[in-house]
Amino acid sequence: MDFDARGYRTVDVRTGYGQWVGSYERTVEDAMDIGVLAELAVPDWASVRRAADLGCGTGRTGGWLRGQGVAAVDGVDVTPEMLAAARTRGAHDRLVEADLAATGLPGGAYQLVVSSLVDEHLPELGPFYREAWRLTAPGGLCVLVGLHPHFIMTAGMPTHFTTAEGEDIAITTHVHLVSEHLTAGLAAGWQLAEMREAVVGDEWIALKPKWERYRSHPVSAAYVWRRPS
């Protein structure tokens, strides 16, 4: 991770999230992803009959989707401990332990595929966008929201957490430029329907006063892709 200015001990995704699960929801701010999803104009959440939540984690996104009127949500994650937390939340109809590039979910069965705070852990974006295409029915959407590459590089900050013993641990993080998302999404057949970049503003400064030095820097990015009918 050439951008890493923290120098924390680094672990793989499954190990890291397995250890982070107990404090995850107390340390991840909704402003990073849920707040960005709420501002999107294209998705008509309440019209979605079935969604696939790729990288569902503890079920935060799935719970939000159900709250917006999505009728049913299936979740996929690579970390058993995260899936156990999602199962306790109860927002998903089905939970599957699998890689996001090979979910095992039925093809063409979803009007919506969502992925939140996941893409920085993927070595390549192409497999994700191709699998999302396979899962999505014609006319359906793929919505991806994640850390902005500019923020990861400017802050020199890989995804990280603090253990119960007080050690800061990094999880393997990859920087994917906006152009990489566009290239991979278009190559898979998607049409870009909407994109938003959220910046550090007053809300973020109130949550994290030390981020004043990042004011007006992009912190999150959301892509809304449509599969042609």
C-alpha atoms as a PDB file:
ATOM      1  CA  MET A   1       0.000   0.000   0.000  1.00  0.00           C
ATOM      2  CA  ASP A   2       2.251   2.784  -1.303  1.00  0.00           C
ATOM      3  CA  PHE A   3      -0.093   5.529  -0.079  1.00  0.00           C
ATOM      4  CA  ASP A   4      -0.055   4.273   3.547  1.00  0.00           C
ATOM      5  CA  ALA A   5       1.223   6.940   5.939  1.00  0.00           C
ATOM      6  CA  ARG A   6       0.072   5.120   9.092  1.00  0.00           C
ATOM      7  CA  GLY A   7       2.283   2.040   9.081  1.00  0.00           C
ATOM      8  CA  TYR A   8      -0.150  -0.126  11.013  1.00  0.00           C
ATOM      9  CA  ARG A   9       0.175  -3.896  10.972  1.00  0.00           C
ATOM     10  CA  THR A  10      -1.913  -5.096   8.012  1.00  0.00           C
ATOM     11  CA  VAL A  11      -4.180  -8.133   7.820  1.00  0.00           C
ATOM     12  CA  ASP A  12      -6.349  -9.631   5.079  1.00  0.00           C
ATOM     13  CA  VAL A  13     -10.029  -8.756   4.675  1.00  0.00           C
ATOM     14  CA  ARG A  14     -11.543 -11.820   6.325  1.00  0.00           C
ATOM     15  CA  THR A  15      -9.190 -11.648   9.326  1.00  0.00           C
ATOM     16  CA  GLY A  16      -9.629  -7.909   9.749  1.00  0.00           C
ATOM     17  CA  TYR A  17     -13.387  -7.753   9.586  1.00  0.00           C
ATOM     18  CA  GLY A  18     -13.659 -10.860  11.739  1.00  0.00           C
ATOM     19  CA  GLN A  19     -11.811  -8.970  14.474  1.00  0.00           C
ATOM     20  CA  TRP A  20     -13.529  -5.614  13.858  1.00  0.00           C
ATOM     21  CA  VAL A  21     -17.101  -6.907  13.943  1.00  0.00           C
ATOM     22  CA  GLY A  22     -17.716  -6.165  17.619  1.00  0.00           C
ATOM     23  CA  SER A  23     -17.035  -2.425  17.315  1.00  0.00           C
ATOM     24  CA  TYR A  24     -17.727  -1.916  13.602  1.00  0.00           C
ATOM     25  CA  GLU A  25     -21.037  -0.109  13.891  1.00  0.00           C
ATOM     26  CA  ARG A  26     -19.712   2.186  16.612  1.00  0.00           C
ATOM     27  CA  THR A  27     -16.812   3.338  14.437  1.00  0.00           C
ATOM     28  CA  VAL A  28     -18.204   3.597  10.888  1.00  0.00           C
ATOM     29  CA  GLU A  29     -20.113   6.834  10.344  1.00  0.00           C
ATOM     30  CA  ASP A  30     -23.326   6.815   8.296  1.00  0.00           C
ATOM     31  CA  ALA A  31     -22.086   9.983   6.582  1.00  0.00           C
ATOM     32  CA  MET A  32     -19.518   7.854   4.765  1.00  0.00           C
ATOM     33  CA  ASP A  33     -22.022   5.712   2.857  1.00  0.00           C
ATOM     34  CA  ILE A  34     -25.639   5.716   4.060  1.00  0.00           C
ATOM     35  CA  GLY A  35     -25.782   9.497   3.842  1.00  0.00           C
ATOM     36  CA  VAL A  36     -24.502   9.385   0.264  1.00  0.00           C
ATOM     37  CA  LEU A  37     -27.003   6.685  -0.735  1.00  0.00           C
ATOM     38  CA  ALA A  38     -29.812   8.833   0.669  1.00  0.00           C
ATOM     39  CA  GLU A  39     -28.876  11.707  -1.647  1.00  0.00           C
ATOM     40  CA  LEU A  40     -28.996   9.702  -4.879  1.00  0.00           C
ATOM     41  CA  ALA A  41     -31.734  10.790  -7.287  1.00  0.00           C
ATOM     42  CA  VAL A  42     -31.948   7.883  -9.753  1.00  0.00           C
ATOM     43  CA  PRO A  43     -32.768   4.845  -7.588  1.00  0.00           C
ATOM     44  CA  ASP A  44     -36.441   4.406  -6.731  1.00  0.00           C
ATOM     45  CA  TRP A  45     -35.773   2.284  -3.695  1.00  0.00           C
ATOM     46  CA  ALA A  46     -39.396   1.540  -2.847  1.00  0.00           C
ATOM     47  CA  SER A  47     -40.032   0.010  -6.273  1.00  0.00           C
ATOM     48  CA  VAL A  48     -37.329  -2.639  -5.846  1.00  0.00           C
ATOM     49  CA  ARG A  49     -38.754  -6.120  -5.277  1.00  0.00           C
ATOM     50  CA  ARG A  50     -35.431  -7.842  -4.577  1.00  0.00           C
ATOM     51  CA  ALA A  51     -31.915  -6.491  -4.013  1.00  0.00           C
ATOM     52  CA  ALA A  52     -28.511  -8.126  -3.618  1.00  0.00           C
ATOM     53  CA  ASP A  53     -26.297  -6.561  -0.943  1.00  0.00           C
ATOM     54  CA  LEU A  54     -22.707  -7.478  -1.868  1.00  0.00           C
ATOM     55  CA  GLY A  55     -20.316  -7.114   1.039  1.00  0.00           C
ATOM     56  CA  CYS A  56     -23.280  -6.868   3.401  1.00  0.00           C
ATOM     57  CA  GLY A  57     -21.158  -6.789   6.565  1.00  0.00           C
ATOM     58  CA  THR A  58     -23.212  -6.387   9.730  1.00  0.00           C
ATOM     59  CA  GLY A  59     -26.338  -5.579   7.735  1.00  0.00           C
ATOM     60  CA  ARG A  60     -26.216  -1.767   7.935  1.00  0.00           C
ATOM     61  CA  THR A  61     -26.956  -1.277   4.262  1.00  0.00           C
ATOM     62  CA  GLY A  62     -29.535  -4.039   4.154  1.00  0.00           C
ATOM     63  CA  GLY A  63     -31.364  -2.507   7.087  1.00  0.00           C
ATOM     64  CA  TRP A  64     -31.341   0.903   5.406  1.00  0.00           C
ATOM     65  CA  LEU A  65     -32.665  -0.580   2.155  1.00  0.00           C
ATOM     66  CA  ARG A  66     -35.536  -2.258   3.961  1.00  0.00           C
ATOM     67  CA  GLY A  67     -36.280   1.054   5.634  1.00  0.00           C
ATOM     68  CA  GLN A  68     -36.553   2.671   2.185  1.00  0.00           C
ATOM     69  CA  GLY A  69     -39.152   0.125   1.118  1.00  0.00           C
ATOM     70  CA  VAL A  70     -37.060  -2.506  -0.667  1.00  0.00           C
ATOM     71  CA  ALA A  71     -39.188  -5.623  -0.394  1.00  0.00           C
ATOM     72  CA  ALA A  72     -36.460  -8.270  -0.023  1.00  0.00           C
ATOM     73  CA  VAL A  73     -32.660  -8.240   0.304  1.00  0.00           C
ATOM     74  CA  ASP A  74     -30.140 -11.067  -0.071  1.00  0.00           C
ATOM     75  CA  GLY A  75     -26.700 -10.514   1.434  1.00  0.00           C
ATOM     76  CA  VAL A  76     -23.237 -11.821   0.558  1.00  0.00           C
ATOM     77  CA  ASP A  77     -20.052 -11.437   2.569  1.00  0.00           C
ATOM     78  CA  VAL A  78     -16.718 -13.227   2.848  1.00  0.00           C
ATOM     79  CA  THR A  79     -16.488 -12.913   6.655  1.00  0.00           C
ATOM     80  CA  PRO A  80     -18.467 -15.398   8.805  1.00  0.00           C
ATOM     81  CA  GLU A  81     -18.464 -13.109  11.848  1.00  0.00           C
ATOM     82  CA  MET A  82     -19.988 -10.263   9.848  1.00  0.00           C
ATOM     83  CA  LEU A  83     -22.657 -12.595   8.462  1.00  0.00           C
ATOM     84  CA  ALA A  84     -23.516 -13.686  12.008  1.00  0.00           C
ATOM     85  CA  ALA A  85     -24.076 -10.047  12.965  1.00  0.00           C
ATOM     86  CA  ALA A  86     -26.214  -9.492   9.876  1.00  0.00           C
ATOM     87  CA  ARG A  87     -28.237 -12.579  10.729  1.00  0.00           C
ATOM     88  CA  THR A  88     -28.953 -11.149  14.160  1.00  0.00           C
ATOM     89  CA  ARG A  89     -30.104  -7.852  12.629  1.00  0.00           C
ATOM     90  CA  GLY A  90     -32.609  -9.738  10.481  1.00  0.00           C
ATOM     91  CA  ALA A  91     -32.814  -7.373   7.505  1.00  0.00           C
ATOM     92  CA  HIS A  92     -31.850  -9.989   4.914  1.00  0.00           C
ATOM     93  CA  ASP A  93     -33.951 -12.800   3.513  1.00  0.00           C
ATOM     94  CA  ARG A  94     -30.875 -14.848   2.637  1.00  0.00           C
ATOM     95  CA  LEU A  95     -27.232 -14.621   3.680  1.00  0.00           C
ATOM     96  CA  VAL A  96     -24.404 -16.302   1.779  1.00  0.00           C
ATOM     97  CA  GLU A  97     -20.723 -16.628   2.605  1.00  0.00           C
ATOM     98  CA  ALA A  98     -18.983 -16.109  -0.730  1.00  0.00           C
ATOM     99  CA  ASP A  99     -16.577 -13.998  -2.739  1.00  0.00           C
ATOM    100  CA  LEU A 100     -18.216 -11.002  -4.410  1.00  0.00           C
ATOM    101  CA  ALA A 101     -16.911 -12.119  -7.802  1.00  0.00           C
ATOM    102  CA  ALA A 102     -18.651 -15.495  -7.485  1.00  0.00           C
ATOM    103  CA  THR A 103     -21.657 -15.107  -5.213  1.00  0.00           C
ATOM    104  CA  GLY A 104     -23.607 -18.185  -6.252  1.00  0.00           C
ATOM    105  CA  LEU A 105     -26.802 -16.103  -6.285  1.00  0.00           C
ATOM    106  CA  PRO A 106     -29.232 -16.634  -9.179  1.00  0.00           C
ATOM    107  CA  GLY A 107     -28.539 -14.677 -12.359  1.00  0.00           C
ATOM    108  CA  GLY A 108     -30.938 -11.960 -13.465  1.00  0.00           C
ATOM    109  CA  ALA A 109     -32.917 -12.208 -10.230  1.00  0.00           C
ATOM    110  CA  TYR A 110     -32.373  -8.698  -8.832  1.00  0.00           C
ATOM    111  CA  GLN A 111     -33.653  -5.249  -9.716  1.00  0.00           C
ATOM    112  CA  LEU A 112     -30.870  -3.755  -7.624  1.00  0.00           C
ATOM    113  CA  VAL A 113     -27.327  -4.717  -6.650  1.00  0.00           C
ATOM    114  CA  VAL A 114     -25.742  -2.598  -3.912  1.00  0.00           C
ATOM    115  CA  SER A 115     -22.187  -2.567  -2.573  1.00  0.00           C
ATOM    116  CA  SER A 116     -21.066  -0.250   0.220  1.00  0.00           C
ATOM    117  CA  LEU A 117     -17.519   0.364   1.526  1.00  0.00           C
ATOM    118  CA  VAL A 118     -16.191  -2.695  -0.243  1.00  0.00           C
ATOM    119  CA  ASP A 119     -14.404  -1.717  -3.447  1.00  0.00           C
ATOM    120  CA  GLU A 120     -11.196  -0.630  -1.683  1.00  0.00           C
ATOM    121  CA  HIS A 121     -10.700  -4.249  -0.662  1.00  0.00           C
ATOM    122  CA  LEU A 122     -10.949  -5.621  -4.215  1.00  0.00           C
ATOM    123  CA  PRO A 123      -7.654  -6.078  -6.081  1.00  0.00           C
ATOM    124  CA  GLU A 124      -9.494  -5.615  -9.393  1.00  0.00           C
ATOM    125  CA  LEU A 125     -12.876  -4.043 -10.168  1.00  0.00           C
ATOM    126  CA  GLY A 126     -13.724  -6.020 -13.311  1.00  0.00           C
ATOM    127  CA  PRO A 127     -14.841  -9.228 -11.542  1.00  0.00           C
ATOM    128  CA  PHE A 128     -17.211  -7.269  -9.291  1.00  0.00           C
ATOM    129  CA  TYR A 129     -18.870  -5.371 -12.130  1.00  0.00           C
ATOM    130  CA  ARG A 130     -19.226  -8.549 -14.202  1.00  0.00           C
ATOM    131  CA  GLU A 131     -20.829 -10.454 -11.332  1.00  0.00           C
ATOM    132  CA  ALA A 132     -23.174  -7.541 -10.587  1.00  0.00           C
ATOM    133  CA  TRP A 133     -24.171  -7.568 -14.279  1.00  0.00           C
ATOM    134  CA  ARG A 134     -24.914 -11.293 -14.098  1.00  0.00           C
ATOM    135  CA  LEU A 135     -27.130 -10.831 -11.056  1.00  0.00           C
ATOM    136  CA  THR A 136     -29.088  -7.825 -12.324  1.00  0.00           C
ATOM    137  CA  ALA A 137     -32.236  -8.051 -14.411  1.00  0.00           C
ATOM    138  CA  PRO A 138     -32.418  -5.928 -17.595  1.00  0.00           C
ATOM    139  CA  GLY A 139     -33.282  -2.368 -16.648  1.00  0.00           C
ATOM    140  CA  GLY A 140     -31.975  -2.876 -13.107  1.00  0.00           C
ATOM    141  CA  LEU A 141     -29.374  -0.854 -11.226  1.00  0.00           C
ATOM    142  CA  CYS A 142     -25.991  -1.434  -9.619  1.00  0.00           C
ATOM    143  CA  VAL A 143     -25.184   1.114  -6.908  1.00  0.00           C
ATOM    144  CA  LEU A 144     -21.660   1.232  -5.482  1.00  0.00           C
ATOM    145  CA  VAL A 145     -20.556   3.654  -2.770  1.00  0.00           C
ATOM    146  CA  GLY A 146     -17.119   3.738  -1.225  1.00  0.00           C
ATOM    147  CA  LEU A 147     -14.193   5.790  -0.020  1.00  0.00           C
ATOM    148  CA  HIS A 148     -13.012   8.306  -2.586  1.00  0.00           C
ATOM    149  CA  PRO A 149      -9.537   7.437  -3.933  1.00  0.00           C
ATOM    150  CA  HIS A 150      -8.444  11.033  -3.429  1.00  0.00           C
ATOM    151  CA  PHE A 151      -9.212  10.810   0.285  1.00  0.00           C
ATOM    152  CA  ILE A 152      -7.419   7.496   0.762  1.00  0.00           C
ATOM    153  CA  MET A 153      -4.295   8.903  -0.856  1.00  0.00           C
ATOM    154  CA  THR A 154      -4.424  12.397   0.674  1.00  0.00           C
ATOM    155  CA  ALA A 155      -5.008  11.095   4.198  1.00  0.00           C
ATOM    156  CA  GLY A 156      -2.562   8.221   3.664  1.00  0.00           C
ATOM    157  CA  MET A 157      -5.153   6.146   5.438  1.00  0.00           C
ATOM    158  CA  PRO A 158      -5.974   2.498   4.704  1.00  0.00           C
ATOM    159  CA  THR A 159      -9.156   1.066   6.165  1.00  0.00           C
ATOM    160  CA  HIS A 160      -8.325   0.362   9.800  1.00  0.00           C
ATOM    161  CA  PHE A 161      -9.751  -0.362  13.236  1.00  0.00           C
ATOM    162  CA  THR A 162      -8.626  -0.503  16.846  1.00  0.00           C
ATOM    163  CA  THR A 163      -8.640  -3.818  18.682  1.00  0.00           C
ATOM    164  CA  ALA A 164      -9.964  -4.302  22.212  1.00  0.00           C
ATOM    165  CA  GLU A 165      -6.307  -4.277  23.306  1.00  0.00           C
ATOM    166  CA  GLY A 166      -5.786  -0.843  21.743  1.00  0.00           C
ATOM    167  CA  GLU A 167      -3.763  -1.866  18.677  1.00  0.00           C
ATOM    168  CA  ASP A 168      -4.504  -0.096  15.396  1.00  0.00           C
ATOM    169  CA  ILE A 169      -4.816  -2.654  12.596  1.00  0.00           C
ATOM    170  CA  ALA A 170      -5.031  -1.927   8.863  1.00  0.00           C
ATOM    171  CA  ILE A 171      -6.990  -4.073   6.418  1.00  0.00           C
ATOM    172  CA  THR A 172      -5.557  -4.574   2.937  1.00  0.00           C
ATOM    173  CA  THR A 173      -6.702  -1.542   0.948  1.00  0.00           C
ATOM    174  CA  HIS A 174      -6.485  -0.852  -2.797  1.00  0.00           C
ATOM    175  CA  VAL A 175      -6.842   2.542  -4.451  1.00  0.00           C
ATOM    176  CA  HIS A 176      -9.158   2.512  -7.474  1.00  0.00           C
ATOM    177  CA  LEU A 177      -9.286   5.765  -9.407  1.00  0.00           C
ATOM    178  CA  VAL A 178     -12.605   7.080 -10.705  1.00  0.00           C
ATOM    179  CA  SER A 179     -11.415   6.254 -14.208  1.00  0.00           C
ATOM    180  CA  GLU A 180     -10.900   2.628 -13.168  1.00  0.00           C
ATOM    181  CA  HIS A 181     -14.530   2.394 -12.071  1.00  0.00           C
ATOM    182  CA  LEU A 182     -15.716   3.915 -15.324  1.00  0.00           C
ATOM    183  CA  THR A 183     -13.517   1.644 -17.410  1.00  0.00           C
ATOM    184  CA  ALA A 184     -14.536  -1.531 -15.559  1.00  0.00           C
ATOM    185  CA  GLY A 185     -18.225  -0.664 -15.426  1.00  0.00           C
ATOM    186  CA  LEU A 186     -18.474   0.253 -19.097  1.00  0.00           C
ATOM    187  CA  ALA A 187     -16.493  -2.847 -20.100  1.00  0.00           C
ATOM    188  CA  ALA A 188     -19.033  -5.014 -18.264  1.00  0.00           C
ATOM    189  CA  GLY A 189     -21.875  -3.427 -20.222  1.00  0.00           C
ATOM    190  CA  TRP A 190     -23.208  -0.936 -17.673  1.00  0.00           C
ATOM    191  CA  GLN A 191     -24.478   2.547 -18.491  1.00  0.00           C
ATOM    192  CA  LEU A 192     -23.593   5.232 -15.936  1.00  0.00           C
ATOM    193  CA  ALA A 193     -26.851   6.818 -14.747  1.00  0.00           C
ATOM    194  CA  GLU A 194     -25.610   8.963 -11.850  1.00  0.00           C
ATOM    195  CA  MET A 195     -22.457   9.751  -9.909  1.00  0.00           C
ATOM    196  CA  ARG A 196     -21.958  11.731  -6.709  1.00  0.00           C
ATOM    197  CA  GLU A 197     -18.857  12.791  -4.825  1.00  0.00           C
ATOM    198  CA  ALA A 198     -19.371  13.773  -1.184  1.00  0.00           C
ATOM    199  CA  VAL A 199     -16.919  16.192   0.414  1.00  0.00           C
ATOM    200  CA  VAL A 200     -15.778  16.814   3.977  1.00  0.00           C
ATOM    201  CA  GLY A 201     -17.979  19.608   5.314  1.00  0.00           C
ATOM    202  CA  ASP A 202     -19.537  20.774   8.560  1.00  0.00           C
ATOM    203  CA  GLU A 203     -21.192  17.413   9.251  1.00  0.00           C
ATOM    204  CA  TRP A 204     -17.881  15.599   9.017  1.00  0.00           C
ATOM    205  CA  ILE A 205     -15.998  18.220  11.032  1.00  0.00           C
ATOM    206  CA  ALA A 206     -18.568  17.851  13.824  1.00  0.00           C
ATOM    207  CA  LEU A 207     -17.993  14.087  13.813  1.00  0.00           C
ATOM    208  CA  LYS A 208     -14.212  14.273  13.424  1.00  0.00           C
ATOM    209  CA  PRO A 209     -12.801  17.708  14.343  1.00  0.00           C
ATOM    210  CA  LYS A 210      -9.293  16.677  13.261  1.00  0.00           C
ATOM    211  CA  TRP A 211     -10.606  16.424   9.704  1.00  0.00           C
ATOM    212  CA  GLU A 212     -10.784  20.221   9.438  1.00  0.00           C
ATOM    213  CA  ARG A 213      -7.588  19.977   7.376  1.00  0.00           C
ATOM    214  CA  TYR A 214      -9.516  17.899   4.829  1.00  0.00           C
ATOM    215  CA  ARG A 215     -12.401  20.357   4.480  1.00  0.00           C
ATOM    216  CA  SER A 216     -13.817  20.394   0.922  1.00  0.00           C
ATOM    217  CA  HIS A 217     -11.820  17.298  -0.041  1.00  0.00           C
ATOM    218  CA  PRO A 218     -13.882  14.467  -1.570  1.00  0.00           C
ATOM    219  CA  VAL A 219     -14.363  11.658   0.945  1.00  0.00           C
ATOM    220  CA  SER A 220     -16.930   9.314  -0.650  1.00  0.00           C
ATOM    221  CA  ALA A 221     -17.996   8.465  -4.187  1.00  0.00           C
ATOM    222  CA  ALA A 222     -21.186   6.809  -5.397  1.00  0.00           C
ATOM    223  CA  TYR A 223     -21.817   5.288  -8.816  1.00  0.00           C
ATOM    224  CA  VAL A 224     -25.263   4.353 -10.113  1.00  0.00           C
ATOM    225  CA  TRP A 225     -25.133   2.008 -13.081  1.00  0.00           C
ATOM    226  CA  ARG A 226     -28.051   0.834 -15.207  1.00  0.00           C
ATOM    227  CA  ARG A 227     -28.212  -2.447 -17.121  1.00  0.00           C
ATOM    228  CA  PRO A 228     -29.870  -1.685 -20.484  1.00  0.00           C
ATOM    229  CA  SER A 229     -33.293  -3.241 -21.014  1.00  0.00           C
END
